[in-house]
Amino acid sequence: MHDVKLSDGVVTLSPMRLDDVRAHLAGEDELLVRWLNGGPGTREGVEAYIRHCREQWDTAGPLRAFGIRAGAGGVLAGTVDLRFAGEGLAPGQVNVAYGLYPSWRGRGLATRAVLLACQYAARVGGEQAVIQVEPENPASAAVAQRAGFTPGRPTHGKDGTRFDWYVRDLHTTAL
C-alpha cells in the first residue's frame, strides 16, 4: 500500500518515507511541536515514527500517515494522518490530524489535504471524519470549517485538555 498517491493537482498525499526525515525536522516549528507533535523531533524519533507508519500501511493498521507534497518536485510541506481507531472514537469515525511547515501555511494546502484524506477515508470504509482542536488553535479550526466540517461536541483528553470536535459525514464526500 506504499504506492497510494492522492492528488487534486495542487497538493499530493503519499505515505511518509524515510527520506522525508530531514525535510520534516527542518520544517518543524513551535506551532507543530505544540499542536501536533507533542515535543521537538529528533532524527531517531522521526525515523522510528515513519517506520511505524510504514508498518501500519503494510498491516492495514488503524493509522494512515501521509506526507503533504506541493510545489515543483513535490516538496514535503507537512503531514496529515488518519486514525481509524482511538480514544473517544466510535466505530466508523476517523480522526484527522494535520500540520504544515511554516513556509507553506496560508495557501489553503491544509484544507486541500484534509479533503483528499477524507476522500481516501470514505473509500476505505470511514463513515465520519473528526478533527479535534484545542480552543487556543483557531487556525486549525478554520481549516476544519473550510473543509466542510461542522462543530460537534467538546471532549477532554486523559490529561484534561479540552478539544472542540469538528465532524463531517463521509458518505457525502465526493470520491
C-alpha atoms as a PDB file:
ATOM      1  CA  MET A   1       0.000   0.000   0.000  1.00  0.00           C
ATOM      2  CA  HIS A   2       3.054   2.265  -0.042  1.00  0.00           C
ATOM      3  CA  ASP A   3       2.121   3.340  -3.569  1.00  0.00           C
ATOM      4  CA  VAL A   4      -1.035   5.232  -2.553  1.00  0.00           C
ATOM      5  CA  LYS A   5      -0.964   8.670  -4.145  1.00  0.00           C
ATOM      6  CA  LEU A   6      -3.824  11.167  -3.913  1.00  0.00           C
ATOM      7  CA  SER A   7      -3.782  14.493  -5.715  1.00  0.00           C
ATOM      8  CA  ASP A   8      -6.032  17.397  -6.592  1.00  0.00           C
ATOM      9  CA  GLY A   9      -3.466  18.939  -8.936  1.00  0.00           C
ATOM     10  CA  VAL A  10      -2.143  21.324  -6.268  1.00  0.00           C
ATOM     11  CA  VAL A  11      -1.258  19.021  -3.384  1.00  0.00           C
ATOM     12  CA  THR A  12      -0.385  15.349  -3.412  1.00  0.00           C
ATOM     13  CA  LEU A  13      -0.656  12.986  -0.467  1.00  0.00           C
ATOM     14  CA  SER A  14       1.566   9.941  -0.310  1.00  0.00           C
ATOM     15  CA  PRO A  15       2.797   7.773   2.557  1.00  0.00           C
ATOM     16  CA  MET A  16       5.675   9.160   4.603  1.00  0.00           C
ATOM     17  CA  ARG A  17       9.081   7.711   3.718  1.00  0.00           C
ATOM     18  CA  LEU A  18      12.467   7.714   5.403  1.00  0.00           C
ATOM     19  CA  ASP A  19      13.859  10.305   3.012  1.00  0.00           C
ATOM     20  CA  ASP A  20      11.266  12.737   4.467  1.00  0.00           C
ATOM     21  CA  VAL A  21      13.062  12.862   7.836  1.00  0.00           C
ATOM     22  CA  ARG A  22      15.377  15.781   7.022  1.00  0.00           C
ATOM     23  CA  ALA A  23      12.586  17.901   5.493  1.00  0.00           C
ATOM     24  CA  HIS A  24      10.292  17.178   8.439  1.00  0.00           C
ATOM     25  CA  LEU A  25      12.892  18.188  11.000  1.00  0.00           C
ATOM     26  CA  ALA A  26      13.773  21.324   9.016  1.00  0.00           C
ATOM     27  CA  GLY A  27      10.103  22.304   8.808  1.00  0.00           C
ATOM     28  CA  GLU A  28       9.182  21.672  12.410  1.00  0.00           C
ATOM     29  CA  ASP A  29       8.471  24.823  14.408  1.00  0.00           C
ATOM     30  CA  GLU A  30       6.974  25.826  17.743  1.00  0.00           C
ATOM     31  CA  LEU A  31       3.388  25.520  16.454  1.00  0.00           C
ATOM     32  CA  LEU A  32       3.850  21.966  15.143  1.00  0.00           C
ATOM     33  CA  VAL A  33       5.553  20.939  18.365  1.00  0.00           C
ATOM     34  CA  ARG A  34       2.743  22.446  20.440  1.00  0.00           C
ATOM     35  CA  TRP A  35      -0.337  21.360  18.489  1.00  0.00           C
ATOM     36  CA  LEU A  36       0.697  18.163  16.746  1.00  0.00           C
ATOM     37  CA  ASN A  37       3.976  16.533  17.694  1.00  0.00           C
ATOM     38  CA  GLY A  38       3.927  16.800  21.469  1.00  0.00           C
ATOM     39  CA  GLY A  39       7.625  17.638  21.605  1.00  0.00           C
ATOM     40  CA  PRO A  40      10.576  18.552  19.397  1.00  0.00           C
ATOM     41  CA  GLY A  41      11.535  15.863  16.933  1.00  0.00           C
ATOM     42  CA  THR A  42      14.857  14.073  16.720  1.00  0.00           C
ATOM     43  CA  ARG A  43      16.256  12.171  13.759  1.00  0.00           C
ATOM     44  CA  GLU A  44      15.894   8.886  15.639  1.00  0.00           C
ATOM     45  CA  GLY A  45      12.355   9.661  16.789  1.00  0.00           C
ATOM     46  CA  VAL A  46      11.123  10.739  13.352  1.00  0.00           C
ATOM     47  CA  GLU A  47      12.737   7.706  11.702  1.00  0.00           C
ATOM     48  CA  ALA A  48      11.035   5.406  14.246  1.00  0.00           C
ATOM     49  CA  TYR A  49       7.695   7.122  13.648  1.00  0.00           C
ATOM     50  CA  ILE A  50       7.990   6.759   9.868  1.00  0.00           C
ATOM     51  CA  ARG A  51       8.915   3.078  10.234  1.00  0.00           C
ATOM     52  CA  HIS A  52       5.837   2.656  12.430  1.00  0.00           C
ATOM     53  CA  CYS A  53       3.716   4.416   9.797  1.00  0.00           C
ATOM     54  CA  ARG A  54       5.088   2.162   7.057  1.00  0.00           C
ATOM     55  CA  GLU A  55       4.292  -0.893   9.203  1.00  0.00           C
ATOM     56  CA  GLN A  56       0.738   0.405   9.657  1.00  0.00           C
ATOM     57  CA  TRP A  57       0.361   0.650   5.876  1.00  0.00           C
ATOM     58  CA  ASP A  58       1.792  -2.880   5.430  1.00  0.00           C
ATOM     59  CA  THR A  59      -0.500  -4.448   8.027  1.00  0.00           C
ATOM     60  CA  ALA A  60      -3.626  -2.370   7.332  1.00  0.00           C
ATOM     61  CA  GLY A  61      -3.353  -0.975  10.857  1.00  0.00           C
ATOM     62  CA  PRO A  62      -5.504   1.901  12.122  1.00  0.00           C
ATOM     63  CA  LEU A  63      -3.005   4.661  11.166  1.00  0.00           C
ATOM     64  CA  ARG A  64      -2.565   6.088   7.664  1.00  0.00           C
ATOM     65  CA  ALA A  65       0.083   8.848   7.688  1.00  0.00           C
ATOM     66  CA  PHE A  66       0.606  10.921   4.571  1.00  0.00           C
ATOM     67  CA  GLY A  67       3.159  13.486   3.588  1.00  0.00           C
ATOM     68  CA  ILE A  68       1.572  16.589   2.100  1.00  0.00           C
ATOM     69  CA  ARG A  69       3.592  17.391  -1.011  1.00  0.00           C
ATOM     70  CA  ALA A  70       3.390  20.623  -3.001  1.00  0.00           C
ATOM     71  CA  GLY A  71       5.257  22.781  -5.452  1.00  0.00           C
ATOM     72  CA  ALA A  72       7.746  21.737  -8.087  1.00  0.00           C
ATOM     73  CA  GLY A  73       9.077  18.288  -7.376  1.00  0.00           C
ATOM     74  CA  GLY A  74       6.531  17.503  -4.680  1.00  0.00           C
ATOM     75  CA  VAL A  75       8.348  19.124  -1.766  1.00  0.00           C
ATOM     76  CA  LEU A  76       7.246  17.897   1.667  1.00  0.00           C
ATOM     77  CA  ALA A  77       5.040  20.708   3.020  1.00  0.00           C
ATOM     78  CA  GLY A  78       3.576  18.946   6.057  1.00  0.00           C
ATOM     79  CA  THR A  79       1.667  15.867   7.159  1.00  0.00           C
ATOM     80  CA  VAL A  80      -1.876  14.618   7.504  1.00  0.00           C
ATOM     81  CA  ASP A  81      -2.818  11.410   9.220  1.00  0.00           C
ATOM     82  CA  LEU A  82      -5.936   9.366   9.637  1.00  0.00           C
ATOM     83  CA  ARG A  83      -6.601   7.194  12.677  1.00  0.00           C
ATOM     84  CA  PHE A  84      -9.377   4.680  12.243  1.00  0.00           C
ATOM     85  CA  ALA A  85      -9.401   3.827  15.969  1.00  0.00           C
ATOM     86  CA  GLY A  86      -8.573   5.791  19.074  1.00  0.00           C
ATOM     87  CA  GLU A  87      -9.671   7.312  22.345  1.00  0.00           C
ATOM     88  CA  GLY A  88     -13.217   8.628  22.111  1.00  0.00           C
ATOM     89  CA  LEU A  89     -13.828   7.470  18.542  1.00  0.00           C
ATOM     90  CA  ALA A  90     -16.910   5.407  17.771  1.00  0.00           C
ATOM     91  CA  PRO A  91     -16.809   2.642  15.146  1.00  0.00           C
ATOM     92  CA  GLY A  92     -16.729   4.268  11.705  1.00  0.00           C
ATOM     93  CA  GLN A  93     -15.215   7.526  12.973  1.00  0.00           C
ATOM     94  CA  VAL A  94     -11.810   8.568  11.648  1.00  0.00           C
ATOM     95  CA  ASN A  95      -9.631  11.137  13.389  1.00  0.00           C
ATOM     96  CA  VAL A  96      -7.908  13.583  11.021  1.00  0.00           C
ATOM     97  CA  ALA A  97      -4.783  15.453  12.189  1.00  0.00           C
ATOM     98  CA  TYR A  98      -2.669  17.786  10.061  1.00  0.00           C
ATOM     99  CA  GLY A  99       0.117  20.281  10.132  1.00  0.00           C
ATOM    100  CA  LEU A 100       2.029  22.378   7.631  1.00  0.00           C
ATOM    101  CA  TYR A 101       5.563  23.703   7.846  1.00  0.00           C
ATOM    102  CA  PRO A 102       5.720  27.499   8.258  1.00  0.00           C
ATOM    103  CA  SER A 103       6.704  28.379   4.696  1.00  0.00           C
ATOM    104  CA  TRP A 104       3.637  26.535   3.336  1.00  0.00           C
ATOM    105  CA  ARG A 105       0.968  27.994   5.616  1.00  0.00           C
ATOM    106  CA  GLY A 106      -1.709  30.413   4.473  1.00  0.00           C
ATOM    107  CA  ARG A 107      -2.118  28.948   0.972  1.00  0.00           C
ATOM    108  CA  GLY A 108      -5.084  26.630   1.524  1.00  0.00           C
ATOM    109  CA  LEU A 109      -2.923  23.498   1.355  1.00  0.00           C
ATOM    110  CA  ALA A 110      -4.095  22.076   4.690  1.00  0.00           C
ATOM    111  CA  THR A 111      -7.728  22.332   3.594  1.00  0.00           C
ATOM    112  CA  ARG A 112      -6.915  20.586   0.313  1.00  0.00           C
ATOM    113  CA  ALA A 113      -5.001  17.861   2.164  1.00  0.00           C
ATOM    114  CA  VAL A 114      -7.889  17.289   4.588  1.00  0.00           C
ATOM    115  CA  LEU A 115     -10.350  16.985   1.699  1.00  0.00           C
ATOM    116  CA  LEU A 116      -8.121  14.434  -0.078  1.00  0.00           C
ATOM    117  CA  ALA A 117      -7.637  12.484   3.155  1.00  0.00           C
ATOM    118  CA  CYS A 118     -11.414  12.424   3.691  1.00  0.00           C
ATOM    119  CA  GLN A 119     -11.937  11.039   0.192  1.00  0.00           C
ATOM    120  CA  TYR A 120      -9.473   8.263   0.997  1.00  0.00           C
ATOM    121  CA  ALA A 121     -11.107   7.569   4.375  1.00  0.00           C
ATOM    122  CA  ALA A 122     -14.530   7.263   2.712  1.00  0.00           C
ATOM    123  CA  ARG A 123     -13.157   4.823   0.126  1.00  0.00           C
ATOM    124  CA  VAL A 124     -11.755   2.529   2.819  1.00  0.00           C
ATOM    125  CA  GLY A 125     -14.867   2.441   4.991  1.00  0.00           C
ATOM    126  CA  GLY A 126     -14.776   5.551   7.165  1.00  0.00           C
ATOM    127  CA  GLU A 127     -18.215   6.945   7.933  1.00  0.00           C
ATOM    128  CA  GLN A 128     -17.481  10.187   9.756  1.00  0.00           C
ATOM    129  CA  ALA A 129     -14.322  12.276   9.937  1.00  0.00           C
ATOM    130  CA  VAL A 130     -13.437  14.006  13.209  1.00  0.00           C
ATOM    131  CA  ILE A 131     -10.994  16.843  13.735  1.00  0.00           C
ATOM    132  CA  GLN A 132     -10.130  17.559  17.378  1.00  0.00           C
ATOM    133  CA  VAL A 133      -8.865  21.092  18.008  1.00  0.00           C
ATOM    134  CA  GLU A 134      -7.723  22.778  21.175  1.00  0.00           C
ATOM    135  CA  PRO A 135      -9.717  26.038  21.531  1.00  0.00           C
ATOM    136  CA  GLU A 136      -6.463  28.044  21.506  1.00  0.00           C
ATOM    137  CA  ASN A 137      -5.718  26.856  17.945  1.00  0.00           C
ATOM    138  CA  PRO A 138      -8.072  28.909  15.727  1.00  0.00           C
ATOM    139  CA  ALA A 139      -6.055  28.231  12.551  1.00  0.00           C
ATOM    140  CA  SER A 140      -6.795  24.507  12.819  1.00  0.00           C
ATOM    141  CA  ALA A 141     -10.477  25.173  13.493  1.00  0.00           C
ATOM    142  CA  ALA A 142     -10.571  27.371  10.385  1.00  0.00           C
ATOM    143  CA  VAL A 143      -9.163  24.527   8.264  1.00  0.00           C
ATOM    144  CA  ALA A 144     -11.856  22.197   9.597  1.00  0.00           C
ATOM    145  CA  GLN A 145     -14.598  24.680   8.765  1.00  0.00           C
ATOM    146  CA  ARG A 146     -13.230  25.413   5.274  1.00  0.00           C
ATOM    147  CA  ALA A 147     -13.166  21.642   4.645  1.00  0.00           C
ATOM    148  CA  GLY A 148     -16.892  21.391   5.410  1.00  0.00           C
ATOM    149  CA  PHE A 149     -16.702  20.145   8.991  1.00  0.00           C
ATOM    150  CA  THR A 150     -19.298  21.367  11.481  1.00  0.00           C
ATOM    151  CA  PRO A 151     -18.858  21.879  15.214  1.00  0.00           C
ATOM    152  CA  GLY A 152     -19.547  18.795  17.293  1.00  0.00           C
ATOM    153  CA  ARG A 153     -19.320  18.037  20.977  1.00  0.00           C
ATOM    154  CA  PRO A 154     -16.359  19.220  23.018  1.00  0.00           C
ATOM    155  CA  THR A 155     -14.381  16.497  24.797  1.00  0.00           C
ATOM    156  CA  HIS A 156     -11.461  16.214  27.184  1.00  0.00           C
ATOM    157  CA  GLY A 157      -8.330  14.103  26.784  1.00  0.00           C
ATOM    158  CA  LYS A 158      -6.968  11.856  29.518  1.00  0.00           C
ATOM    159  CA  ASP A 159      -4.832  14.753  30.736  1.00  0.00           C
ATOM    160  CA  GLY A 160      -7.861  17.069  30.946  1.00  0.00           C
ATOM    161  CA  THR A 161      -7.084  19.008  27.766  1.00  0.00           C
ATOM    162  CA  ARG A 162     -10.260  20.312  26.134  1.00  0.00           C
ATOM    163  CA  PHE A 163     -10.850  19.570  22.466  1.00  0.00           C
ATOM    164  CA  ASP A 164     -13.516  21.088  20.251  1.00  0.00           C
ATOM    165  CA  TRP A 165     -14.723  18.472  17.816  1.00  0.00           C
ATOM    166  CA  TYR A 166     -15.498  19.191  14.191  1.00  0.00           C
ATOM    167  CA  VAL A 167     -17.259  16.429  12.249  1.00  0.00           C
ATOM    168  CA  ARG A 168     -18.023  15.643   8.643  1.00  0.00           C
ATOM    169  CA  ASP A 169     -20.165  12.855   7.226  1.00  0.00           C
ATOM    170  CA  LEU A 170     -18.028  10.882   4.788  1.00  0.00           C
ATOM    171  CA  HIS A 171     -20.984   9.363   2.961  1.00  0.00           C
ATOM    172  CA  THR A 172     -21.406  12.679   1.156  1.00  0.00           C
ATOM    173  CA  THR A 173     -17.698  13.091   0.398  1.00  0.00           C
ATOM    174  CA  ALA A 174     -17.049  13.216  -3.321  1.00  0.00           C
ATOM    175  CA  LEU A 175     -14.986  10.284  -4.491  1.00  0.00           C
END
